[in-house]
């Protein structure tokens, strides 16, 4: 660079400024794409949460229905023809930049745009961080809910198997 004339240095400064401006435009575009993807992910997580709520409500309804079926089986079983001890079942019912981003060289509109692009990128990155934290919290809550649903499903299956065996035994006797 020491052998370059002032015009060549100026030309090189403009080239570097143009290249870095294009770079900030690409960064901004990628940040916007990431933000859109984040918003879609949050929406999908909300929909998944609603589905999990419906599944859990279904498990609770099965539990309620099984309570009624078990009561009916007990009444049939203990109707006077045979006396058997009533078995107890498991209960799961009890089971959410202040100084700017760039160093100004040419002090022109390109540098203003680069600064604005990087400011927007910074803002988008902050939003993405908050989205990621919210998604992490939602995923943790949904994982806990899935664990509850699994426990309820296992308990319901066991109760249904026992009720089926009791009903078969009543039919066979």
N, C-alpha and C. Protein backbone atom coordinates (compact mmCIF):
# COMPACT_ATOMS: atom_id res chain seq x y z
N UNK A 1 0.82 -1.19 0.00
CA UNK A 1 0.00 0.00 0.00
C UNK A 1 0.86 1.26 0.00
N UNK A 2 2.13 1.13 0.42
CA UNK A 2 3.00 2.30 0.50
C UNK A 2 3.32 2.87 -0.87
N UNK A 3 3.26 2.11 -1.91
CA UNK A 3 3.60 2.56 -3.26
C UNK A 3 2.38 3.09 -4.01
N UNK A 4 1.21 3.09 -3.39
CA UNK A 4 -0.01 3.51 -4.07
C UNK A 4 -0.17 5.02 -4.00
N UNK A 5 -0.70 5.56 -5.06
CA UNK A 5 -0.97 7.00 -5.09
C UNK A 5 -2.21 7.27 -4.23
N UNK A 6 -2.43 8.52 -3.85
CA UNK A 6 -3.62 8.85 -3.06
C UNK A 6 -4.91 8.47 -3.79
N UNK A 7 -4.94 8.56 -5.09
CA UNK A 7 -6.14 8.17 -5.84
C UNK A 7 -6.38 6.67 -5.75
N UNK A 8 -5.28 5.89 -5.83
CA UNK A 8 -5.40 4.44 -5.75
C UNK A 8 -5.85 4.01 -4.34
N UNK A 9 -5.34 4.71 -3.34
CA UNK A 9 -5.75 4.42 -1.96
C UNK A 9 -7.23 4.73 -1.81
N UNK A 10 -7.65 5.86 -2.36
CA UNK A 10 -9.06 6.26 -2.29
C UNK A 10 -9.93 5.23 -3.02
N UNK A 11 -9.49 4.79 -4.20
CA UNK A 11 -10.23 3.80 -4.97
C UNK A 11 -10.34 2.49 -4.18
N UNK A 12 -9.25 2.07 -3.56
CA UNK A 12 -9.26 0.84 -2.76
C UNK A 12 -10.20 0.99 -1.56
N UNK A 13 -10.21 2.15 -0.92
CA UNK A 13 -11.11 2.40 0.21
C UNK A 13 -12.57 2.27 -0.23
N UNK A 14 -12.88 2.80 -1.41
CA UNK A 14 -14.25 2.69 -1.94
C UNK A 14 -14.60 1.23 -2.25
N UNK A 15 -13.65 0.49 -2.79
CA UNK A 15 -13.90 -0.93 -3.09
C UNK A 15 -14.20 -1.71 -1.81
N UNK A 16 -13.39 -1.49 -0.79
CA UNK A 16 -13.59 -2.17 0.49
C UNK A 16 -14.92 -1.76 1.10
N UNK A 17 -15.26 -0.49 0.99
CA UNK A 17 -16.54 -0.01 1.52
C UNK A 17 -17.70 -0.66 0.78
N UNK A 18 -17.60 -0.75 -0.54
CA UNK A 18 -18.66 -1.40 -1.33
C UNK A 18 -18.79 -2.87 -0.95
N UNK A 19 -17.67 -3.56 -0.80
CA UNK A 19 -17.69 -4.99 -0.45
C UNK A 19 -18.30 -5.18 0.95
N UNK A 20 -17.92 -4.34 1.88
CA UNK A 20 -18.46 -4.51 3.23
C UNK A 20 -19.94 -4.12 3.28
N UNK A 21 -20.36 -3.17 2.45
CA UNK A 21 -21.79 -2.83 2.36
C UNK A 21 -22.58 -4.03 1.87
N UNK A 22 -22.10 -4.68 0.82
CA UNK A 22 -22.77 -5.89 0.31
C UNK A 22 -22.80 -6.98 1.37
N UNK A 23 -21.72 -7.08 2.12
CA UNK A 23 -21.66 -8.08 3.18
C UNK A 23 -22.72 -7.82 4.25
N UNK A 24 -22.88 -6.56 4.63
CA UNK A 24 -23.91 -6.25 5.64
C UNK A 24 -25.31 -6.49 5.09
N UNK A 25 -25.49 -6.26 3.79
CA UNK A 25 -26.80 -6.55 3.18
C UNK A 25 -27.10 -8.05 3.24
N UNK A 26 -26.09 -8.87 2.95
CA UNK A 26 -26.28 -10.32 3.02
C UNK A 26 -26.55 -10.77 4.45
N UNK A 27 -25.81 -10.21 5.38
CA UNK A 27 -26.00 -10.54 6.80
C UNK A 27 -27.42 -10.19 7.22
N UNK A 28 -27.87 -9.01 6.84
CA UNK A 28 -29.22 -8.58 7.18
C UNK A 28 -30.25 -9.52 6.58
N UNK A 29 -30.06 -9.90 5.33
CA UNK A 29 -30.98 -10.84 4.69
C UNK A 29 -31.04 -12.17 5.42
N UNK A 30 -29.88 -12.69 5.81
CA UNK A 30 -29.84 -13.95 6.54
C UNK A 30 -30.48 -13.81 7.92
N UNK A 31 -30.27 -12.68 8.56
CA UNK A 31 -30.88 -12.46 9.88
C UNK A 31 -32.40 -12.41 9.76
N UNK A 32 -32.90 -11.77 8.73
CA UNK A 32 -34.36 -11.70 8.51
C UNK A 32 -34.91 -13.09 8.24
N UNK A 33 -34.21 -13.88 7.40
CA UNK A 33 -34.64 -15.27 7.14
C UNK A 33 -34.67 -16.07 8.44
N UNK A 34 -33.67 -15.89 9.28
CA UNK A 34 -33.62 -16.61 10.56
C UNK A 34 -34.79 -16.21 11.45
N UNK A 35 -35.11 -14.93 11.44
CA UNK A 35 -36.22 -14.45 12.25
C UNK A 35 -37.54 -15.05 11.76
N UNK A 36 -37.73 -15.11 10.46
CA UNK A 36 -38.94 -15.73 9.90
C UNK A 36 -39.02 -17.20 10.31
N UNK A 37 -37.89 -17.90 10.21
CA UNK A 37 -37.86 -19.32 10.62
C UNK A 37 -38.18 -19.44 12.10
N UNK A 38 -37.67 -18.53 12.91
CA UNK A 38 -37.95 -18.56 14.34
C UNK A 38 -39.43 -18.36 14.63
N UNK A 39 -40.04 -17.43 13.92
CA UNK A 39 -41.47 -17.16 14.11
C UNK A 39 -42.29 -18.40 13.72
N UNK A 40 -41.92 -19.05 12.62
CA UNK A 40 -42.63 -20.26 12.20
C UNK A 40 -42.47 -21.36 13.26
N UNK A 41 -41.27 -21.46 13.82
CA UNK A 41 -41.02 -22.48 14.84
C UNK A 41 -41.86 -22.23 16.08
N UNK A 42 -41.93 -20.97 16.51
CA UNK A 42 -42.75 -20.64 17.68
C UNK A 42 -44.21 -20.99 17.41
N UNK A 43 -44.68 -20.69 16.21
CA UNK A 43 -46.07 -21.01 15.84
C UNK A 43 -46.30 -22.52 15.89
N UNK A 44 -45.35 -23.28 15.35
CA UNK A 44 -45.48 -24.74 15.36
C UNK A 44 -45.45 -25.29 16.79
N UNK A 45 -44.61 -24.71 17.64
CA UNK A 45 -44.57 -25.15 19.03
C UNK A 45 -45.89 -24.86 19.74
N UNK A 46 -46.50 -23.71 19.43
CA UNK A 46 -47.81 -23.41 20.01
C UNK A 46 -48.85 -24.43 19.57
N UNK A 47 -48.85 -24.76 18.28
CA UNK A 47 -49.79 -25.77 17.77
C UNK A 47 -49.54 -27.12 18.42
N UNK A 48 -48.27 -27.48 18.57
CA UNK A 48 -47.93 -28.74 19.22
C UNK A 48 -48.41 -28.74 20.66
N UNK A 49 -48.26 -27.61 21.34
CA UNK A 49 -48.74 -27.50 22.72
C UNK A 49 -50.24 -27.71 22.81
N UNK A 50 -50.98 -27.16 21.85
CA UNK A 50 -52.43 -27.35 21.83
C UNK A 50 -52.77 -28.81 21.61
N UNK A 51 -52.04 -29.48 20.73
CA UNK A 51 -52.28 -30.91 20.49
C UNK A 51 -51.99 -31.72 21.76
N UNK A 52 -50.91 -31.38 22.45
CA UNK A 52 -50.59 -32.08 23.68
C UNK A 52 -51.67 -31.86 24.74
N UNK A 53 -52.22 -30.65 24.78
CA UNK A 53 -53.31 -30.38 25.72
C UNK A 53 -54.51 -31.27 25.41
N UNK A 54 -54.84 -31.41 24.12
CA UNK A 54 -55.97 -32.27 23.74
C UNK A 54 -55.68 -33.73 24.09
N UNK A 55 -54.46 -34.17 23.87
CA UNK A 55 -54.09 -35.55 24.22
C UNK A 55 -54.23 -35.77 25.72
N UNK A 56 -53.72 -34.82 26.49
CA UNK A 56 -53.80 -34.96 27.95
C UNK A 56 -55.25 -34.95 28.42
N UNK A 57 -56.08 -34.12 27.81
CA UNK A 57 -57.51 -34.12 28.15
C UNK A 57 -58.13 -35.47 27.81
N UNK A 58 -57.72 -36.06 26.68
CA UNK A 58 -58.20 -37.40 26.31
C UNK A 58 -57.80 -38.45 27.34
N UNK A 59 -56.56 -38.36 27.82
CA UNK A 59 -56.09 -39.30 28.86
C UNK A 59 -56.92 -39.13 30.13
N UNK A 60 -57.23 -37.89 30.47
CA UNK A 60 -58.07 -37.64 31.66
C UNK A 60 -59.47 -38.21 31.47
N UNK A 61 -60.01 -38.10 30.24
CA UNK A 61 -61.34 -38.65 29.96
C UNK A 61 -61.32 -40.17 30.05
N UNK A 62 -60.25 -40.78 29.54
CA UNK A 62 -60.11 -42.24 29.65
C UNK A 62 -60.08 -42.64 31.12
N UNK A 63 -59.36 -41.88 31.93
CA UNK A 63 -59.29 -42.16 33.36
C UNK A 63 -60.69 -42.09 33.98
N UNK A 64 -61.44 -41.08 33.62
CA UNK A 64 -62.80 -40.92 34.14
C UNK A 64 -63.68 -42.09 33.69
N UNK A 65 -63.58 -42.44 32.41
CA UNK A 65 -64.36 -43.56 31.89
C UNK A 65 -63.97 -44.87 32.57
N UNK A 66 -62.68 -45.06 32.81
CA UNK A 66 -62.22 -46.28 33.47
C UNK A 66 -62.73 -46.36 34.90
N UNK A 67 -62.79 -45.23 35.58
CA UNK A 67 -63.32 -45.22 36.94
C UNK A 67 -64.75 -45.75 36.93
N UNK A 68 -65.54 -45.29 35.95
CA UNK A 68 -66.93 -45.73 35.83
C UNK A 68 -66.99 -47.22 35.45
N UNK A 69 -66.14 -47.65 34.52
CA UNK A 69 -66.12 -49.05 34.11
C UNK A 69 -65.72 -49.96 35.27
N UNK A 70 -64.72 -49.54 36.03
CA UNK A 70 -64.28 -50.33 37.18
C UNK A 70 -65.39 -50.43 38.24
N UNK A 71 -66.10 -49.35 38.42
CA UNK A 71 -67.22 -49.36 39.37
C UNK A 71 -68.28 -50.36 38.90
N UNK A 72 -68.60 -50.32 37.62
CA UNK A 72 -69.60 -51.25 37.06
C UNK A 72 -69.12 -52.69 37.18
N UNK A 73 -67.84 -52.95 36.88
CA UNK A 73 -67.30 -54.31 37.01
C UNK A 73 -67.36 -54.78 38.46
N UNK A 74 -67.08 -53.90 39.39
CA UNK A 74 -67.14 -54.25 40.80
C UNK A 74 -68.57 -54.61 41.19
N UNK A 75 -69.52 -53.82 40.70
CA UNK A 75 -70.92 -54.12 40.99
C UNK A 75 -71.31 -55.47 40.41
N UNK A 76 -70.86 -55.76 39.17
CA UNK A 76 -71.16 -57.05 38.56
C UNK A 76 -70.46 -58.18 39.29
N UNK A 77 -69.23 -57.94 39.70
CA UNK A 77 -68.42 -58.96 40.34
C UNK A 77 -68.97 -59.29 41.73
N UNK A 78 -69.44 -58.29 42.43
CA UNK A 78 -69.89 -58.47 43.81
C UNK A 78 -71.42 -58.42 43.89
N UNK A 79 -72.09 -59.03 42.95
CA UNK A 79 -73.55 -58.96 42.92
C UNK A 79 -74.19 -60.06 43.77
N UNK A 80 -73.39 -60.85 44.48
CA UNK A 80 -73.93 -61.89 45.32
C UNK A 80 -73.62 -63.27 44.80
N UNK A 81 -73.29 -63.41 43.54
CA UNK A 81 -72.99 -64.71 42.98
C UNK A 81 -71.58 -65.16 43.33
N UNK A 82 -70.68 -64.18 43.36
CA UNK A 82 -69.32 -64.49 43.78
C UNK A 82 -68.79 -63.28 44.53
N UNK A 83 -67.98 -63.54 45.54
CA UNK A 83 -67.41 -62.45 46.33
C UNK A 83 -65.91 -62.50 46.15
N UNK A 84 -65.36 -61.45 45.58
CA UNK A 84 -63.92 -61.38 45.35
C UNK A 84 -63.41 -60.08 45.94
N UNK A 85 -62.21 -60.10 46.42
CA UNK A 85 -61.66 -58.83 46.92
C UNK A 85 -61.51 -57.83 45.77
N UNK A 86 -61.89 -56.63 46.04
CA UNK A 86 -61.78 -55.57 45.02
C UNK A 86 -60.35 -55.06 44.99
N UNK A 87 -59.77 -55.08 43.81
CA UNK A 87 -58.38 -54.64 43.67
C UNK A 87 -58.32 -53.12 43.54
N UNK A 88 -57.29 -52.58 44.12
CA UNK A 88 -57.05 -51.15 44.01
C UNK A 88 -56.15 -50.90 42.80
N UNK A 89 -56.37 -49.78 42.13
CA UNK A 89 -55.54 -49.43 40.98
C UNK A 89 -54.78 -48.15 41.27
N UNK A 90 -53.74 -47.95 40.52
CA UNK A 90 -52.95 -46.73 40.67
C UNK A 90 -53.78 -45.52 40.29
N UNK A 91 -53.56 -44.44 40.99
CA UNK A 91 -54.27 -43.20 40.67
C UNK A 91 -53.24 -42.18 40.20
N UNK A 92 -53.44 -41.65 39.00
CA UNK A 92 -52.46 -40.71 38.46
C UNK A 92 -53.04 -39.31 38.36
N UNK A 93 -54.21 -39.07 38.91
CA UNK A 93 -54.88 -37.80 38.68
C UNK A 93 -54.08 -36.60 39.21
N UNK A 94 -53.25 -36.86 40.23
CA UNK A 94 -52.51 -35.73 40.77
C UNK A 94 -51.21 -35.48 40.00
N UNK A 95 -51.06 -36.62 39.17
CA UNK A 95 -49.82 -36.60 38.40
C UNK A 95 -49.64 -35.34 37.44
N UNK A 96 -44.65 -24.80 32.37
CA UNK A 96 -44.85 -24.05 31.75
C UNK A 96 -43.53 -23.02 31.42
N UNK A 97 -25.65 -1.31 20.84
CA UNK A 97 -24.26 -0.77 20.72
C UNK A 97 -24.25 0.77 20.66
N UNK A 98 -23.70 1.29 21.53
CA UNK A 98 -23.80 2.75 21.67
C UNK A 98 -22.87 3.54 20.74
N UNK A 99 -21.69 3.05 20.46
CA UNK A 99 -20.74 3.81 19.65
C UNK A 99 -20.78 3.48 18.18
N UNK A 100 -21.69 2.70 17.73
CA UNK A 100 -21.76 2.34 16.33
C UNK A 100 -21.02 1.04 16.08
N UNK A 101 -21.34 0.43 14.95
CA UNK A 101 -20.79 -0.88 14.64
C UNK A 101 -19.57 -0.80 13.73
N UNK A 102 -19.44 0.26 12.96
CA UNK A 102 -18.35 0.31 12.00
C UNK A 102 -17.45 1.51 12.28
N UNK A 103 -16.23 1.37 11.81
CA UNK A 103 -15.30 2.51 11.85
C UNK A 103 -15.45 3.22 10.52
N UNK A 104 -15.77 4.49 10.59
CA UNK A 104 -16.03 5.27 9.38
C UNK A 104 -14.72 5.68 8.73
N UNK A 105 -14.69 5.47 7.42
CA UNK A 105 -13.51 5.85 6.64
C UNK A 105 -13.91 6.91 5.61
N UNK A 106 -14.95 6.59 4.82
CA UNK A 106 -15.36 7.50 3.76
C UNK A 106 -16.45 8.46 4.22
N UNK A 107 -17.12 8.11 5.31
CA UNK A 107 -18.17 8.94 5.90
C UNK A 107 -19.23 9.34 4.87
N UNK A 108 -19.72 8.33 4.14
CA UNK A 108 -20.73 8.60 3.12
C UNK A 108 -21.98 7.76 3.36
N UNK A 109 -22.91 7.79 2.41
CA UNK A 109 -24.19 7.10 2.55
C UNK A 109 -24.00 5.59 2.65
N UNK A 110 -22.98 5.05 2.02
CA UNK A 110 -22.74 3.61 2.10
C UNK A 110 -22.44 3.19 3.53
N UNK A 111 -21.62 4.00 4.20
CA UNK A 111 -21.32 3.68 5.59
C UNK A 111 -22.55 3.88 6.47
N UNK A 112 -23.37 4.86 6.14
CA UNK A 112 -24.64 5.03 6.88
C UNK A 112 -25.50 3.78 6.72
N UNK A 113 -25.59 3.25 5.49
CA UNK A 113 -26.40 2.06 5.25
C UNK A 113 -25.80 0.85 5.96
N UNK A 114 -24.48 0.71 5.94
CA UNK A 114 -23.83 -0.39 6.65
C UNK A 114 -24.16 -0.32 8.14
N UNK A 115 -24.07 0.86 8.69
CA UNK A 115 -24.38 1.05 10.12
C UNK A 115 -25.83 0.67 10.40
N UNK A 116 -26.75 1.12 9.54
CA UNK A 116 -28.17 0.80 9.71
C UNK A 116 -28.40 -0.70 9.58
N UNK A 117 -27.77 -1.33 8.59
CA UNK A 117 -27.90 -2.79 8.42
C UNK A 117 -27.44 -3.52 9.67
N UNK A 118 -26.29 -3.14 10.19
CA UNK A 118 -25.76 -3.82 11.38
C UNK A 118 -26.61 -3.52 12.61
N UNK A 119 -27.19 -2.34 12.69
CA UNK A 119 -28.10 -2.03 13.79
C UNK A 119 -29.32 -2.93 13.72
N UNK A 120 -29.87 -3.10 12.52
CA UNK A 120 -31.02 -4.00 12.35
C UNK A 120 -30.65 -5.44 12.68
N UNK A 121 -29.46 -5.86 12.23
CA UNK A 121 -29.00 -7.22 12.53
C UNK A 121 -28.91 -7.40 14.04
N UNK A 122 -28.36 -6.42 14.74
CA UNK A 122 -28.26 -6.50 16.20
C UNK A 122 -29.62 -6.64 16.84
N UNK A 123 -30.58 -5.87 16.36
CA UNK A 123 -31.94 -5.96 16.90
C UNK A 123 -32.55 -7.33 16.62
N UNK A 124 -32.39 -7.82 15.39
CA UNK A 124 -32.92 -9.13 15.02
C UNK A 124 -32.26 -10.23 15.86
N UNK A 125 -30.96 -10.12 16.07
CA UNK A 125 -30.27 -11.12 16.89
C UNK A 125 -30.81 -11.13 18.31
N UNK A 126 -31.12 -9.95 18.84
CA UNK A 126 -31.74 -9.88 20.17
C UNK A 126 -33.09 -10.57 20.17
N UNK A 127 -33.88 -10.32 19.12
CA UNK A 127 -35.18 -11.00 19.01
C UNK A 127 -35.01 -12.51 18.89
N UNK A 128 -34.03 -12.95 18.08
CA UNK A 128 -33.78 -14.38 17.92
C UNK A 128 -33.37 -15.02 19.24
N UNK A 129 -32.56 -14.31 20.01
CA UNK A 129 -32.15 -14.83 21.32
C UNK A 129 -33.37 -15.02 22.20
N UNK A 130 -34.24 -14.01 22.24
CA UNK A 130 -35.45 -14.12 23.06
C UNK A 130 -36.35 -15.24 22.57
N UNK A 131 -36.48 -15.37 21.24
CA UNK A 131 -37.28 -16.47 20.69
C UNK A 131 -36.69 -17.81 21.10
N UNK A 132 -35.37 -17.92 21.01
CA UNK A 132 -34.71 -19.19 21.37
C UNK A 132 -34.95 -19.52 22.84
N UNK A 133 -34.87 -18.53 23.70
CA UNK A 133 -35.13 -18.76 25.12
C UNK A 133 -36.58 -19.19 25.34
N UNK A 134 -37.52 -18.50 24.67
CA UNK A 134 -38.93 -18.87 24.78
C UNK A 134 -39.17 -20.28 24.25
N UNK A 135 -38.55 -20.61 23.12
CA UNK A 135 -38.70 -21.95 22.55
C UNK A 135 -38.15 -22.99 23.52
N UNK A 136 -37.01 -22.71 24.11
CA UNK A 136 -36.43 -23.65 25.08
C UNK A 136 -37.36 -23.88 26.25
N UNK A 137 -37.94 -22.79 26.77
CA UNK A 137 -38.88 -22.93 27.89
C UNK A 137 -40.12 -23.72 27.47
N UNK A 138 -40.63 -23.44 26.27
CA UNK A 138 -41.82 -24.14 25.79
C UNK A 138 -41.52 -25.62 25.57
N UNK A 139 -40.36 -25.92 25.03
CA UNK A 139 -39.99 -27.32 24.80
C UNK A 139 -39.85 -28.06 26.13
N UNK A 140 -39.25 -27.40 27.13
CA UNK A 140 -39.14 -28.03 28.45
C UNK A 140 -40.53 -28.31 29.03
N UNK A 141 -41.44 -27.34 28.91
CA UNK A 141 -42.80 -27.52 29.42
C UNK A 141 -43.49 -28.65 28.67
N UNK A 142 -43.32 -28.70 27.34
CA UNK A 142 -43.95 -29.75 26.56
C UNK A 142 -43.35 -31.12 26.88
N UNK A 143 -42.06 -31.17 27.15
CA UNK A 143 -41.44 -32.44 27.54
C UNK A 143 -42.02 -32.93 28.86
N UNK A 144 -42.22 -32.02 29.81
CA UNK A 144 -42.85 -32.41 31.08
C UNK A 144 -44.27 -32.90 30.84
N UNK A 145 -44.99 -32.22 29.94
CA UNK A 145 -46.35 -32.63 29.62
C UNK A 145 -46.36 -34.00 28.94
N UNK A 146 -45.43 -34.24 28.05
CA UNK A 146 -45.33 -35.54 27.39
C UNK A 146 -45.06 -36.63 28.43
N UNK A 147 -44.21 -36.34 29.41
CA UNK A 147 -43.96 -37.31 30.48
C UNK A 147 -45.25 -37.61 31.24
N UNK A 148 -46.04 -36.57 31.55
CA UNK A 148 -47.32 -36.78 32.23
C UNK A 148 -48.26 -37.63 31.38
N UNK A 149 -48.33 -37.30 30.09
CA UNK A 149 -49.20 -38.05 29.17
C UNK A 149 -48.77 -39.51 29.10
N UNK A 150 -47.48 -39.75 29.02
CA UNK A 150 -46.96 -41.12 28.96
C UNK A 150 -47.33 -41.88 30.22
N UNK A 151 -47.16 -41.25 31.37
CA UNK A 151 -47.52 -41.89 32.64
C UNK A 151 -49.01 -42.20 32.68
N UNK A 152 -49.82 -41.25 32.24
CA UNK A 152 -51.27 -41.47 32.22
C UNK A 152 -51.63 -42.58 31.25
N UNK A 153 -51.00 -42.61 30.08
CA UNK A 153 -51.29 -43.65 29.09
C UNK A 153 -50.92 -45.02 29.64
N UNK A 154 -49.77 -45.12 30.29
CA UNK A 154 -49.36 -46.40 30.88
C UNK A 154 -50.35 -46.85 31.95
N UNK A 155 -50.75 -45.92 32.80
CA UNK A 155 -51.70 -46.25 33.85
C UNK A 155 -53.05 -46.64 33.25
N UNK A 156 -53.51 -45.89 32.25
CA UNK A 156 -54.78 -46.24 31.60
C UNK A 156 -54.69 -47.61 30.94
N UNK A 157 -53.59 -47.90 30.27
CA UNK A 157 -53.43 -49.21 29.63
C UNK A 157 -53.49 -50.31 30.67
N UNK A 158 -52.78 -50.14 31.78
CA UNK A 158 -52.82 -51.15 32.84
C UNK A 158 -54.24 -51.33 33.36
N UNK A 159 -54.94 -50.25 33.57
CA UNK A 159 -56.31 -50.33 34.08
C UNK A 159 -57.23 -51.00 33.07
N UNK A 160 -57.06 -50.69 31.80
CA UNK A 160 -57.88 -51.31 30.75
C UNK A 160 -57.60 -52.80 30.68
N UNK A 161 -56.31 -53.18 30.75
CA UNK A 161 -55.95 -54.60 30.74
C UNK A 161 -56.59 -55.33 31.92
N UNK A 162 -56.52 -54.75 33.10
CA UNK A 162 -57.11 -55.36 34.29
C UNK A 162 -58.62 -55.45 34.14
N UNK A 163 -59.25 -54.39 33.66
CA UNK A 163 -60.70 -54.39 33.49
C UNK A 163 -61.12 -55.44 32.44
N UNK A 164 -60.36 -55.55 31.36
CA UNK A 164 -60.66 -56.57 30.35
C UNK A 164 -60.54 -57.97 30.93
N UNK A 165 -59.51 -58.21 31.73
CA UNK A 165 -59.34 -59.52 32.36
C UNK A 165 -60.49 -59.81 33.32
N UNK A 166 -60.89 -58.81 34.08
CA UNK A 166 -62.02 -58.99 35.01
C UNK A 166 -63.30 -59.28 34.24
N UNK A 167 -63.52 -58.54 33.15
CA UNK A 167 -64.73 -58.75 32.36
C UNK A 167 -64.72 -60.14 31.73
N UNK A 168 -63.57 -60.56 31.21
CA UNK A 168 -63.45 -61.90 30.61
C UNK A 168 -63.73 -62.96 31.66
N UNK A 169 -63.19 -62.76 32.86
CA UNK A 169 -63.39 -63.72 33.95
C UNK A 169 -64.87 -63.80 34.33
N UNK A 170 -65.55 -62.66 34.33
CA UNK A 170 -66.98 -62.65 34.65
C UNK A 170 -67.78 -63.37 33.56
N UNK A 171 -67.38 -63.15 32.31
CA UNK A 171 -68.09 -63.78 31.19
C UNK A 171 -67.88 -65.30 31.20
N UNK A 172 -66.65 -65.72 31.52
CA UNK A 172 -66.30 -67.15 31.51
C UNK A 172 -66.89 -67.92 32.69
N UNK A 173 -67.24 -67.20 33.77
CA UNK A 173 -67.73 -67.94 34.94
C UNK A 173 -69.22 -68.16 34.96
